[in-house]
C-alpha cells in the first residue's frame, strides 16, 4: 500500500507562482535578468509555461527584442503553443493582470524553484526504490547511486533527458556574452597563477581533466602545489582539495611552507633555521592557515572514494590528485591499460559531474631517456591511449639542466602544452627554484612559444 501511495503521489507545483513569474516578465521585461539567477526553464511544471519562458529567455539572450505581450505572442503562435492567436492573447493578458506585485518577483521565483526541487527529490526517491526492488544486493552500489541522485539535486542539475538545441544555444550565447562583458573574469577559467600558461589554456576550466606529466625529479608535485596555492589565494571562496597518494600530508605542507616562506626545504627537514628564517616560517604558517586548502593522504584510494569525499565539500573550486599510478580500482583485471583507461574515464566523468577542473599528475615512460632531445611527447605517456583521449589538457614539465649539466640556465624549465582541447598548444618558459620547490613565470620576450 505504501508503494502504491508513493507511486500515485501528485507532484507538487504552484500554478499561481509560475503564472506570476511569467506575468511579471511580460509587465517589466528587464526583470528577467534577476529571474534567471533562480529559475531555469525546466523548473516550470506546466509545459505551456516552460515553452513561454524559453521564448523569453531566447529574446533576452539574443537581444532581438523585449519580452512583452506582442512579441511573445507572435513567437508563441509560430511555435503553436496556443491553438489560436486569440487564445494566446487572452492568456498572456491574464498573466499580466494577475501578478500581485512585480516587486515580489524573488518570492515567486523561490516558490517555483522550491517546488521543482521537491519534485526532483520525489523522482530521485522513486529511482532509489526501483534500484532496491530490482534485487541489487550490493549496499555500496545502492548508497553511491542514492548519494549521486541527491548530489545532482543539490547542484541544481537535471541529468536526465534530451534538451532542445534552442535552449542550449540560448545558454551558450549568454555565456559568450558574459565572457565579453565587464565581469568577464568571473566567467573565465580559474587563473593558475602562471600568466603565460593561462594565455594558452584560458585558465583552469570547469569540468576539465588536466594532466601534468613528467619524468621523476622534474617537479610535477611542486608545480601542482604552486597552482593549488595560487588558486586558493586568489579564489578564497573556493575550496582546493589535494589527494596525495604518495606523500604524507605533513611533507606536502612542508613543501608549501618552504615555498611560501622562501626557506630552504632541506633546512625544514633538519630543523636548523636561523632567527630570520623562523620569523619567515611563522609568517608563512599564518598565511597558509588562511587558505581554503584541504589535503587527504589516504593510500590506494579509488575514484569512487575520492568522489564521495568531494561531494561533501560545499564550494569546490579545484581538485589535485597526485598521482595516477597509485589510484586503486575495483576492476577485476591485471591488464594495466584497461585499469588506467577506466580510471581516467571515471575522473573525466567526475570532473563533469562536479563541474570543477581536476589536475591529475602522472609519470612518463622511459621513452625520453633514449632520445637525443629528451623533451616529452604524447607517446611517452604510460598507457597513453586512454590518458590522451580522456584528458582535455596534457602538459609536460621539462628541465634541460637535469640532463645537460653544461646548461647555464639551471633554473629554467619548460611547461609543454602538448594537447589543448580548447585551443592552441605551445611551450611556456618557467623559472624553477629547487631550493624552495617553486615554479614562477619566466618573463621572456617570446613567451609563450
Protein backbone atom coordinates (compact mmCIF):
# COMPACT_ATOMS: atom_id res chain seq x y z
CA UNK A 1 0.00 0.00 0.00
CA UNK A 2 2.82 2.39 0.87
CA UNK A 3 4.39 1.82 -2.55
CA UNK A 4 1.09 2.49 -4.32
CA UNK A 5 0.55 5.75 -2.44
CA UNK A 6 4.07 6.90 -3.24
CA UNK A 7 3.75 5.97 -6.92
CA UNK A 8 0.44 7.79 -7.24
CA UNK A 9 1.67 10.87 -5.38
CA UNK A 10 0.71 14.06 -7.21
CA UNK A 11 3.77 16.14 -7.98
CA UNK A 12 3.74 19.50 -6.16
CA UNK A 13 3.75 22.75 -8.09
CA UNK A 14 2.38 26.27 -7.75
CA UNK A 15 0.25 27.36 -10.70
CA UNK A 16 -0.07 30.89 -9.32
CA UNK A 17 3.70 31.31 -8.82
CA UNK A 18 4.51 30.08 -12.34
CA UNK A 19 1.93 32.45 -13.79
CA UNK A 20 3.20 35.35 -11.66
CA UNK A 21 6.81 34.88 -12.81
CA UNK A 22 5.76 34.93 -16.47
CA UNK A 23 3.35 37.82 -15.95
CA UNK A 24 5.99 39.91 -14.17
CA UNK A 25 8.40 39.48 -17.09
CA UNK A 26 5.69 40.48 -19.58
CA UNK A 27 4.97 43.56 -17.47
CA UNK A 28 8.64 44.52 -16.95
CA UNK A 29 10.89 42.66 -19.43
CA UNK A 30 14.16 43.75 -17.78
CA UNK A 31 13.26 41.78 -14.66
CA UNK A 32 14.19 38.54 -16.44
CA UNK A 33 17.86 39.11 -15.56
CA UNK A 34 17.12 38.62 -11.85
CA UNK A 35 14.67 35.79 -12.58
CA UNK A 36 17.41 33.80 -14.36
CA UNK A 37 19.52 33.85 -11.20
CA UNK A 38 16.99 31.46 -9.60
CA UNK A 39 14.73 29.95 -12.26
CA UNK A 40 15.57 27.69 -15.22
CA UNK A 41 13.12 26.62 -17.94
CA UNK A 42 12.89 23.03 -16.65
CA UNK A 43 11.62 24.30 -13.28
CA UNK A 44 8.20 25.10 -14.74
CA UNK A 45 5.82 22.20 -14.22
CA UNK A 46 3.26 23.27 -16.83
CA UNK A 47 4.54 22.52 -20.35
CA UNK A 48 2.95 25.67 -21.75
CA UNK A 49 4.68 27.82 -19.10
CA UNK A 50 8.01 26.16 -19.82
CA UNK A 51 7.65 26.90 -23.54
CA UNK A 52 6.72 30.55 -22.89
CA UNK A 53 9.69 31.03 -20.55
CA UNK A 54 12.00 29.55 -23.15
CA UNK A 55 10.82 32.18 -25.63
CA UNK A 56 11.52 34.94 -23.11
CA UNK A 57 14.99 33.55 -22.34
CA UNK A 58 15.88 33.40 -26.04
CA UNK A 59 14.78 37.01 -26.54
CA UNK A 60 16.89 38.09 -23.59
CA UNK A 61 19.91 36.07 -24.72
CA UNK A 62 19.91 37.29 -28.30
CA UNK A 63 18.74 40.83 -27.54
CA UNK A 64 16.47 40.58 -30.58
CA UNK A 65 13.50 42.15 -28.77
CA UNK A 66 11.98 42.82 -25.37
CA UNK A 67 9.61 40.22 -23.98
CA UNK A 68 6.12 41.72 -23.92
CA UNK A 69 2.63 40.51 -24.84
CA UNK A 70 3.02 41.33 -28.54
CA UNK A 71 6.50 39.85 -29.13
CA UNK A 72 5.93 36.74 -27.02
CA UNK A 73 2.51 36.13 -28.60
CA UNK A 74 4.00 36.36 -32.08
CA UNK A 75 6.64 33.73 -31.30
CA UNK A 76 4.23 31.54 -29.31
CA UNK A 77 1.81 31.41 -32.24
CA UNK A 78 4.69 30.50 -34.58
CA UNK A 79 5.62 27.62 -32.25
CA UNK A 80 1.97 26.51 -31.92
CA UNK A 81 1.97 26.90 -28.15
CA UNK A 82 -1.64 28.14 -28.37
CA UNK A 83 -4.33 26.70 -30.58
CA UNK A 84 -5.37 30.17 -31.80
CA UNK A 85 -3.88 33.69 -31.61
CA UNK A 86 -6.98 34.83 -29.73
CA UNK A 87 -6.43 32.19 -27.04
CA UNK A 88 -2.81 33.23 -26.68
CA UNK A 89 -3.65 36.94 -26.49
CA UNK A 90 -6.19 36.31 -23.74
CA UNK A 91 -3.89 34.05 -21.73
CA UNK A 92 -0.90 36.41 -21.87
CA UNK A 93 -3.05 39.40 -20.91
CA UNK A 94 -4.41 37.46 -17.93
CA UNK A 95 -0.86 36.63 -16.86
CA UNK A 96 0.00 40.33 -16.65
CA UNK A 97 -3.25 41.25 -14.89
CA UNK A 98 -2.98 38.55 -12.22
CA UNK A 99 0.50 39.46 -10.94
CA UNK A 100 0.00 40.55 -7.31
CA UNK A 101 3.15 42.71 -7.22
CA UNK A 102 6.15 42.73 -9.56
CA UNK A 103 8.29 43.78 -6.59
CA UNK A 104 7.69 40.32 -5.08
CA UNK A 105 9.30 38.54 -8.05
CA UNK A 106 12.04 37.00 -5.88
CA UNK A 107 9.41 35.29 -3.72
CA UNK A 108 7.60 33.88 -6.77
CA UNK A 109 10.90 32.57 -8.16
CA UNK A 110 11.75 30.89 -4.85
CA UNK A 111 8.41 29.10 -4.82
CA UNK A 112 8.82 27.89 -8.42
CA UNK A 113 12.36 26.62 -7.82
CA UNK A 114 11.43 25.12 -4.44
CA UNK A 115 8.58 23.07 -5.92
CA UNK A 116 10.91 21.90 -8.69
CA UNK A 117 13.49 20.60 -6.21
CA UNK A 118 10.79 18.79 -4.22
CA UNK A 119 9.63 17.11 -7.44
CA UNK A 120 13.22 16.22 -8.26
CA UNK A 121 13.65 14.71 -4.80
CA UNK A 122 10.49 12.64 -5.24
CA UNK A 123 11.72 11.41 -8.61
CA UNK A 124 15.10 10.51 -7.11
CA UNK A 125 13.36 8.59 -4.33
CA UNK A 126 11.39 6.63 -6.91
CA UNK A 127 14.60 5.66 -8.69
CA UNK A 128 16.22 4.63 -5.39
CA UNK A 129 13.25 2.41 -4.52
CA UNK A 130 13.30 0.96 -8.03
CA UNK A 131 17.01 0.09 -7.67
CA UNK A 132 16.32 -1.62 -4.33
CA UNK A 133 13.37 -3.57 -5.73
CA UNK A 134 15.44 -4.68 -8.73
CA UNK A 135 17.31 -7.10 -6.48
CA UNK A 136 20.62 -5.24 -6.29
CA UNK A 137 22.27 -6.55 -3.10
CA UNK A 138 25.46 -4.52 -3.06
CA UNK A 139 24.88 -1.85 -0.42
CA UNK A 140 27.82 0.27 -1.59
CA UNK A 141 26.37 0.43 -5.11
CA UNK A 142 22.93 1.43 -3.79
CA UNK A 143 24.40 4.04 -1.45
CA UNK A 144 26.59 5.50 -4.20
CA UNK A 145 23.62 5.74 -6.58
CA UNK A 146 21.41 7.31 -3.89
CA UNK A 147 24.10 9.82 -2.90
CA UNK A 148 24.68 10.73 -6.54
CA UNK A 149 20.95 11.38 -7.03
CA UNK A 150 20.79 13.73 -4.05
CA UNK A 151 24.03 15.41 -5.07
CA UNK A 152 22.64 16.15 -8.54
CA UNK A 153 19.64 17.86 -6.96
CA UNK A 154 21.82 19.90 -4.60
CA UNK A 155 23.91 21.02 -7.55
CA UNK A 156 20.76 22.11 -9.37
CA UNK A 157 21.44 19.88 -12.34
CA UNK A 158 18.93 17.77 -14.18
CA UNK A 159 20.97 14.88 -15.55
CA UNK A 160 18.19 13.13 -17.44
CA UNK A 161 16.59 13.65 -20.81
CA UNK A 162 17.39 15.31 -24.10
CA UNK A 163 17.50 19.09 -24.36
CA UNK A 164 16.42 21.06 -27.41
CA UNK A 165 19.21 22.90 -29.20
CA UNK A 166 17.37 26.22 -28.97
CA UNK A 167 17.73 26.06 -25.17
CA UNK A 168 21.41 25.15 -25.45
CA UNK A 169 22.04 27.94 -27.97
CA UNK A 170 20.48 30.44 -25.57
CA UNK A 171 22.65 29.26 -22.68
CA UNK A 172 25.78 29.28 -24.85
CA UNK A 173 25.02 32.74 -26.27
CA UNK A 174 24.56 34.11 -22.76
CA UNK A 175 27.85 32.56 -21.63
CA UNK A 176 29.72 34.14 -24.55
CA UNK A 177 28.08 37.48 -23.79
CA UNK A 178 29.25 37.19 -20.18
CA UNK A 179 32.80 36.49 -21.38
CA UNK A 180 32.69 39.70 -23.40
CA UNK A 181 31.12 41.76 -20.58
CA UNK A 182 32.61 43.90 -17.82
CA UNK A 183 32.57 40.98 -15.34
CA UNK A 184 34.29 38.58 -17.72
CA UNK A 185 36.93 37.50 -15.18
CA UNK A 186 34.40 35.61 -13.05
CA UNK A 187 33.26 33.58 -16.06
CA UNK A 188 36.71 32.66 -17.37
CA UNK A 189 38.62 29.60 -16.25
CA UNK A 190 40.28 29.87 -12.84
CA UNK A 191 43.68 31.56 -13.08
CA UNK A 192 46.56 29.14 -12.42
CA UNK A 193 48.88 31.94 -11.32
CA UNK A 194 51.10 31.44 -14.39
CA UNK A 195 50.18 34.21 -16.80
CA UNK A 196 51.61 32.75 -19.99
CA UNK A 197 50.11 29.33 -19.28
CA UNK A 198 46.68 30.89 -18.71
CA UNK A 199 47.03 32.73 -22.03
CA UNK A 200 47.33 29.38 -23.81
CA UNK A 201 44.76 27.35 -21.84
CA UNK A 202 42.28 30.14 -20.93
CA UNK A 203 42.80 29.13 -17.31
CA UNK A 204 41.63 26.04 -15.47
CA UNK A 205 38.23 25.44 -16.99
CA UNK A 206 35.35 23.80 -15.17
CA UNK A 207 34.82 20.09 -15.91
CA UNK A 208 38.32 19.78 -17.43
CA UNK A 209 40.64 16.86 -16.72
CA UNK A 210 44.12 18.39 -16.81
CA UNK A 211 47.12 16.06 -16.92
CA UNK A 212 50.56 17.15 -15.71
CA UNK A 213 53.14 14.51 -16.62
CA UNK A 214 56.92 14.35 -16.31
CA UNK A 215 59.85 12.07 -15.63
CA UNK A 216 60.87 11.78 -11.94
CA UNK A 217 62.55 14.80 -10.32
CA UNK A 218 61.13 17.32 -12.81
CA UNK A 219 58.96 18.96 -10.14
CA UNK A 220 55.42 17.96 -11.10
CA UNK A 221 54.23 17.79 -7.47
CA UNK A 222 55.79 21.19 -6.78
CA UNK A 223 54.14 22.64 -9.90
CA UNK A 224 50.73 21.27 -8.88
CA UNK A 225 51.15 22.64 -5.36
CA UNK A 226 52.12 26.05 -6.75
CA UNK A 227 48.94 26.10 -8.82
CA UNK A 228 46.84 24.92 -5.86
CA UNK A 229 48.27 27.68 -3.66
CA UNK A 230 47.73 30.33 -6.34
CA UNK A 231 44.09 29.28 -6.82
CA UNK A 232 43.44 29.15 -3.07
CA UNK A 233 44.98 32.60 -2.63
CA UNK A 234 43.03 34.30 -5.42
CA UNK A 235 39.76 32.33 -5.14
CA UNK A 236 39.32 32.35 -1.38
CA UNK A 237 35.64 31.45 -1.57
CA UNK A 238 36.57 28.25 -3.43
CA UNK A 239 37.91 25.11 -1.75
CA UNK A 240 41.03 23.41 -3.15
CA UNK A 241 41.29 19.69 -2.43
CA UNK A 242 44.57 17.79 -2.78
CA UNK A 243 44.73 13.99 -2.75
CA UNK A 244 48.30 12.89 -2.08
CA UNK A 245 48.53 9.14 -2.61
CA UNK A 246 52.31 9.01 -2.28
CA UNK A 247 53.47 11.79 0.03
CA UNK A 248 52.24 12.22 3.65
CA UNK A 249 50.23 15.39 4.23
CA UNK A 250 52.86 16.79 6.63
CA UNK A 251 55.54 16.51 3.92
CA UNK A 252 53.20 18.21 1.44
CA UNK A 253 52.57 21.09 3.83
CA UNK A 254 56.32 21.33 4.50
CA UNK A 255 56.82 21.96 0.79
CA UNK A 256 54.12 24.63 0.81
CA UNK A 257 55.74 26.31 3.82
CA UNK A 258 59.19 26.21 2.21
CA UNK A 259 57.80 27.85 -0.91
CA UNK A 260 55.77 30.48 0.94
CA UNK A 261 58.50 31.33 3.47
CA UNK A 262 61.37 31.18 0.97
CA UNK A 263 63.23 28.90 3.37
CA UNK A 264 65.41 26.07 2.05
CA UNK A 265 63.40 22.84 2.12
CA UNK A 266 66.47 20.96 3.43
CA UNK A 267 66.55 23.24 6.47
CA UNK A 268 62.91 22.44 7.22
CA UNK A 269 63.72 18.75 7.24
CA UNK A 270 66.70 19.25 9.56
CA UNK A 271 65.25 21.99 11.77
CA UNK A 272 68.43 24.12 11.55
CA UNK A 273 66.90 27.56 10.94
CA UNK A 274 68.24 30.95 11.97
CA UNK A 275 66.14 33.63 13.65
CA UNK A 276 65.10 35.40 10.47
CA UNK A 277 64.07 32.13 8.87
CA UNK A 278 61.90 31.24 11.87
CA UNK A 279 60.14 34.59 11.50
CA UNK A 280 59.50 33.97 7.79
CA UNK A 281 58.29 30.45 8.58
CA UNK A 282 55.84 31.75 11.18
CA UNK A 283 54.53 34.32 8.70
CA UNK A 284 54.15 31.61 6.05
CA UNK A 285 52.30 29.37 8.52
CA UNK A 286 49.86 32.18 9.29
CA UNK A 287 49.37 32.82 5.57
CA UNK A 288 48.73 29.14 4.77
CA UNK A 289 46.32 28.86 7.72
CA UNK A 290 44.05 31.30 5.93
CA UNK A 291 43.91 29.37 2.65
CA UNK A 292 40.94 27.06 1.87
CA UNK A 293 43.17 24.05 1.11
CA UNK A 294 42.18 20.52 2.17
CA UNK A 295 44.59 17.57 1.99
CA UNK A 296 43.85 13.84 2.02
CA UNK A 297 46.76 11.40 2.08
CA UNK A 298 44.79 8.14 2.02
CA UNK A 299 46.83 5.50 0.18
CA UNK A 300 45.29 3.28 -2.51
CA UNK A 301 42.14 5.36 -2.71
CA UNK A 302 39.62 4.71 -5.51
CA UNK A 303 37.93 7.26 -7.75
CA UNK A 304 34.60 6.42 -6.08
CA UNK A 305 36.05 7.20 -2.66
CA UNK A 306 37.53 10.47 -3.94
CA UNK A 307 34.15 11.43 -5.40
CA UNK A 308 32.33 10.63 -2.14
CA UNK A 309 34.70 12.91 -0.18
CA UNK A 310 34.46 15.74 -2.71
CA UNK A 311 30.66 15.70 -2.68
CA UNK A 312 30.78 16.80 0.94
CA UNK A 313 32.65 19.99 0.06
CA UNK A 314 30.30 22.95 -0.13
CA UNK A 315 32.10 25.22 -2.61
CA UNK A 316 34.66 23.15 -4.50
CA UNK A 317 36.96 25.03 -6.86
CA UNK A 318 39.88 22.75 -7.80
CA UNK A 319 40.99 19.14 -7.27
CA UNK A 320 44.59 17.91 -7.45
CA UNK A 321 45.39 14.17 -7.49
CA UNK A 322 49.00 13.03 -7.04
CA UNK A 323 49.22 10.66 -8.82
CA UNK A 324 47.52 8.44 -11.44
CA UNK A 325 49.70 5.34 -10.95
CA UNK A 326 48.66 4.97 -7.30
CA UNK A 327 44.88 5.24 -7.72
CA UNK A 328 43.21 1.95 -6.77
CA UNK A 329 40.46 0.31 -8.80
CA UNK A 330 37.71 -2.24 -8.27
CA UNK A 331 38.17 -3.51 -11.83
CA UNK A 332 38.92 -7.24 -11.80
CA UNK A 333 41.73 -7.45 -14.33
CA UNK A 334 45.51 -7.49 -14.46
CA UNK A 335 45.52 -5.51 -17.71
CA UNK A 336 47.10 -2.19 -16.78
CA UNK A 337 45.89 -0.46 -19.95
CA UNK A 338 42.29 -1.34 -19.11
CA UNK A 339 42.74 -0.24 -15.50
CA UNK A 340 44.21 3.14 -16.42
CA UNK A 341 41.56 3.61 -19.10
CA UNK A 342 38.78 3.01 -16.57
CA UNK A 343 40.36 5.35 -14.01
CA UNK A 344 40.85 8.26 -16.44
CA UNK A 345 37.32 7.77 -17.81
CA UNK A 346 35.89 7.91 -14.27
CA UNK A 347 37.95 11.00 -13.46
CA UNK A 348 36.71 12.81 -16.57
CA UNK A 349 33.11 11.93 -15.66
CA UNK A 350 33.74 13.13 -12.10
CA UNK A 351 35.14 16.46 -13.36
CA UNK A 352 31.99 16.95 -15.42
CA UNK A 353 29.63 15.92 -12.62
CA UNK A 354 31.31 18.14 -10.01
CA UNK A 355 31.83 20.92 -12.58
CA UNK A 356 35.39 21.63 -11.43
CA UNK A 357 38.84 21.31 -13.01
CA UNK A 358 40.77 18.24 -11.91
CA UNK A 359 44.57 18.26 -12.12
CA UNK A 360 45.94 14.73 -12.39
CA UNK A 361 49.66 14.01 -12.10
CA UNK A 362 51.27 11.13 -13.98
CA UNK A 363 54.66 9.54 -14.52
CA UNK A 364 56.12 9.27 -18.01
CA UNK A 365 57.67 6.15 -19.52
CA UNK A 366 61.42 5.94 -20.11
CA UNK A 367 60.94 6.97 -23.75
CA UNK A 368 62.63 10.38 -23.41
CA UNK A 369 65.77 8.81 -21.93
CA UNK A 370 66.56 7.03 -25.21
CA UNK A 371 66.25 10.15 -27.39
CA UNK A 372 68.73 12.92 -28.08
CA UNK A 373 66.00 15.50 -27.49
CA UNK A 374 64.57 14.37 -24.17
CA UNK A 375 61.54 16.63 -24.24
CA UNK A 376 58.43 14.52 -23.59
CA UNK A 377 55.83 13.67 -26.24
CA UNK A 378 52.30 12.31 -26.00
CA UNK A 379 53.56 8.85 -26.92
CA UNK A 380 55.64 8.87 -23.70
CA UNK A 381 52.51 8.66 -21.56
CA UNK A 382 52.23 5.28 -19.92
CA UNK A 383 49.14 3.53 -21.32
CA UNK A 384 48.92 6.72 -23.40
CA UNK A 385 45.83 5.90 -25.46
CA UNK A 386 43.20 6.33 -22.76
CA UNK A 387 45.02 9.14 -20.94
CA UNK A 388 45.43 11.19 -24.10
CA UNK A 389 41.81 10.56 -25.06
CA UNK A 390 40.21 11.47 -21.72
CA UNK A 391 42.37 14.46 -20.78
CA UNK A 392 41.26 17.89 -22.00
CA UNK A 393 44.72 19.35 -21.49
CA UNK A 394 48.04 17.50 -21.34
CA UNK A 395 51.09 19.34 -20.01
CA UNK A 396 54.66 18.10 -19.70
CA UNK A 397 57.33 19.52 -17.42
CA UNK A 398 60.90 19.51 -18.68
CA UNK A 399 64.17 20.88 -17.28
CA UNK A 400 67.07 20.59 -19.71
CA UNK A 401 69.65 21.21 -16.97
CA UNK A 402 68.63 17.89 -15.38
CA UNK A 403 70.03 16.07 -18.42
CA UNK A 404 72.56 18.61 -19.70
CA UNK A 405 74.85 19.57 -16.84
CA UNK A 406 76.59 22.14 -19.04
CA UNK A 407 73.38 24.13 -19.46
CA UNK A 408 73.98 27.55 -17.92
CA UNK A 409 70.25 28.08 -17.37
CA UNK A 410 69.97 25.66 -14.46
CA UNK A 411 66.84 27.40 -13.15
CA UNK A 412 64.95 27.38 -16.45
CA UNK A 413 62.08 24.94 -17.01
CA UNK A 414 59.51 24.35 -19.71
CA UNK A 415 55.81 23.61 -19.48
CA UNK A 416 54.93 21.94 -22.77
CA UNK A 417 51.20 22.07 -23.54
CA UNK A 418 51.01 19.05 -25.86
CA UNK A 419 47.22 18.80 -26.02
CA UNK A 420 44.64 21.53 -25.52
CA UNK A 421 41.04 20.75 -26.36
CA UNK A 422 40.21 24.46 -26.09
CA UNK A 423 42.80 25.88 -28.44
CA UNK A 424 46.47 26.16 -29.21
CA UNK A 425 49.42 24.21 -27.89
CA UNK A 426 52.90 25.52 -27.15
CA UNK A 427 55.76 25.80 -24.69
CA UNK A 428 55.77 28.16 -21.73
CA UNK A 429 59.08 29.09 -20.11
CA UNK A 430 59.14 28.83 -16.31
CA UNK A 431 61.70 29.64 -13.64
CA UNK A 432 62.48 26.75 -11.25
CA UNK A 433 63.83 27.25 -7.76
CA UNK A 434 64.65 23.81 -6.38
CA UNK A 435 65.77 25.27 -3.05
CA UNK A 436 62.21 26.42 -2.35
CA UNK A 437 60.47 23.84 -4.61
CA UNK A 438 58.77 26.64 -6.50
CA UNK A 439 57.97 27.47 -10.13
CA UNK A 440 57.35 31.04 -11.25
CA UNK A 441 56.62 32.67 -14.59
CA UNK A 442 59.79 33.40 -16.52
CA UNK A 443 59.49 36.81 -18.16
CA UNK A 444 60.80 36.36 -21.68
CA UNK A 445 60.11 38.35 -24.82
CA UNK A 446 58.97 35.34 -26.81
CA UNK A 447 56.80 33.63 -24.19
CA UNK A 448 54.76 31.66 -24.85
CA UNK A 449 56.46 29.96 -27.81
